[in-house]
Amino acid sequence: MQPDSDSNEASYSSSPSSHRQDSSDDMKKVQRREKNRIAAQKSRQRQTQKADTLHVESENLERVNAVLRRDIRRLREEIKCLTYTLSSHQSTCTLATHKMPAVPPRVVSPRFQQ
């Protein structure tokens, strides 16, 4: 019965080794999945934070843009008033000894016209 027991021992001794290998592989797989899950979660958090930051920045730029548009409207009205005042004054001014154009030419970039 010796030969049978030797063959049994050989198969018995290789079985726990392969079982330990499977267990080690399973642990590595679980650890890799956990690490990947954490990395994906961090990536989603960064993506959400970036979207939130862009949203806040967009809102701030919208407010600044609105203020600048109001300033443009106010300045255009001021130009109209000053041009009218100058035009009215030039026609009655007695101090002007040299000829000046009634209204100075206006150069306006098409970019700023509305």
Protein backbone atom coordinates (compact mmCIF):
# COMPACT_ATOMS: atom_id res chain seq x y z
CA MET A 1 0.00 0.00 0.00
CA GLN A 2 3.00 2.24 0.09
CA PRO A 3 2.78 3.32 -3.54
CA ASP A 4 -0.85 4.36 -3.08
CA SER A 5 -0.08 6.45 -0.06
CA ASP A 6 2.77 8.20 -1.87
CA SER A 7 0.53 9.14 -4.74
CA ASN A 8 -2.14 10.33 -2.31
CA GLU A 9 0.38 12.45 -0.45
CA ALA A 10 1.60 14.00 -3.69
CA SER A 11 -1.91 14.96 -4.75
CA TYR A 12 -2.74 16.11 -1.24
CA SER A 13 0.33 18.28 -0.99
CA SER A 14 -0.31 19.99 -4.37
CA SER A 15 -3.94 20.65 -3.58
CA PRO A 16 -3.38 23.01 -0.62
CA SER A 17 -0.75 24.88 -2.61
CA SER A 18 -3.14 25.50 -5.49
CA HIS A 19 -5.87 26.36 -3.00
CA ARG A 20 -3.59 28.94 -1.41
CA GLN A 21 -2.79 30.32 -4.88
CA ASP A 22 -6.51 30.64 -5.68
CA SER A 23 -7.11 32.32 -2.36
CA SER A 24 -4.23 34.73 -2.99
CA ASP A 25 -5.55 35.50 -6.47
CA ASP A 26 -9.03 36.12 -5.04
CA MET A 27 -7.60 38.50 -2.45
CA LYS A 28 -5.67 40.37 -5.11
CA LYS A 29 -8.81 40.59 -7.23
CA VAL A 30 -10.84 41.95 -4.30
CA GLN A 31 -8.10 44.47 -3.46
CA ARG A 32 -7.83 45.56 -7.09
CA ARG A 33 -11.61 46.03 -7.32
CA GLU A 34 -11.65 48.03 -4.08
CA LYS A 35 -8.78 50.20 -5.27
CA ASN A 36 -10.56 50.75 -8.60
CA ARG A 37 -13.84 51.57 -6.82
CA ILE A 38 -12.08 54.20 -4.70
CA ALA A 39 -10.31 55.66 -7.75
CA ALA A 40 -13.60 55.88 -9.66
CA GLN A 41 -15.28 57.54 -6.69
CA LYS A 42 -12.48 60.12 -6.43
CA SER A 43 -12.68 60.74 -10.17
CA ARG A 44 -16.44 61.37 -9.94
CA GLN A 45 -15.89 63.73 -7.00
CA ARG A 46 -13.27 65.68 -8.97
CA GLN A 47 -15.59 65.84 -11.97
CA THR A 48 -18.47 67.11 -9.80
CA GLN A 49 -16.20 69.68 -8.12
CA LYS A 50 -14.98 70.90 -11.51
CA ALA A 51 -18.57 71.23 -12.78
CA ASP A 52 -19.55 73.15 -9.62
CA THR A 53 -16.56 75.48 -10.01
CA LEU A 54 -17.40 76.12 -13.66
CA HIS A 55 -21.02 76.83 -12.73
CA VAL A 56 -20.01 79.39 -10.09
CA GLU A 57 -17.54 80.98 -12.48
CA SER A 58 -20.21 81.14 -15.18
CA GLU A 59 -22.65 82.85 -12.81
CA ASN A 60 -19.99 85.38 -11.80
CA LEU A 61 -19.16 86.14 -15.42
CA GLU A 62 -22.87 86.58 -16.21
CA ARG A 63 -23.12 89.16 -13.40
CA VAL A 64 -20.00 90.99 -14.60
CA ASN A 65 -21.32 90.92 -18.15
CA ALA A 66 -24.65 92.44 -17.04
CA VAL A 67 -22.83 95.23 -15.18
CA LEU A 68 -20.66 95.96 -18.20
CA ARG A 69 -23.69 96.05 -20.51
CA ARG A 70 -25.37 98.56 -18.17
CA ASP A 71 -22.19 100.64 -18.22
CA ILE A 72 -22.15 100.56 -22.02
CA ARG A 73 -25.78 101.75 -22.17
CA ARG A 74 -25.08 104.52 -19.65
CA LEU A 75 -21.97 105.66 -21.51
CA ARG A 76 -23.82 105.71 -24.83
CA GLU A 77 -26.49 107.90 -23.30
CA GLU A 78 -23.77 110.15 -21.89
CA ILE A 79 -22.20 110.41 -25.36
CA LYS A 80 -25.57 111.47 -26.80
CA CYS A 81 -26.04 114.11 -24.11
CA LEU A 82 -22.52 115.48 -24.41
CA THR A 83 -22.70 115.50 -28.21
CA TYR A 84 -25.97 117.42 -28.08
CA THR A 85 -24.57 119.84 -25.49
CA LEU A 86 -21.44 120.44 -27.57
CA SER A 87 -23.45 120.89 -30.74
CA SER A 88 -25.76 123.40 -29.02
CA HIS A 89 -22.87 125.28 -27.46
CA GLN A 90 -20.80 125.53 -30.66
CA SER A 91 -23.55 127.29 -32.52
CA THR A 92 -23.73 130.05 -29.87
CA CYS A 93 -20.15 130.16 -28.58
CA THR A 94 -18.50 133.55 -28.95
CA LEU A 95 -15.12 132.43 -27.64
CA ALA A 96 -14.27 130.15 -30.52
CA THR A 97 -12.01 132.07 -32.84
CA HIS A 98 -11.16 129.16 -35.04
CA LYS A 99 -13.58 126.93 -36.83
CA MET A 100 -14.36 123.56 -35.22
CA PRO A 101 -16.60 120.90 -36.64
CA ALA A 102 -20.07 120.92 -35.11
CA VAL A 103 -19.80 117.34 -33.98
CA PRO A 104 -16.53 115.42 -33.97
CA PRO A 105 -16.58 112.28 -36.12
CA ARG A 106 -17.41 109.17 -34.20
CA VAL A 107 -15.45 106.01 -34.73
CA VAL A 108 -17.35 103.03 -33.41
CA SER A 109 -16.21 99.47 -33.62
CA PRO A 110 -18.94 97.16 -34.94
CA ARG A 111 -18.11 94.89 -32.05
CA PHE A 112 -19.62 97.37 -29.59
CA GLN A 113 -22.70 98.28 -31.58
CA GLN A 114 -26.01 96.77 -30.62
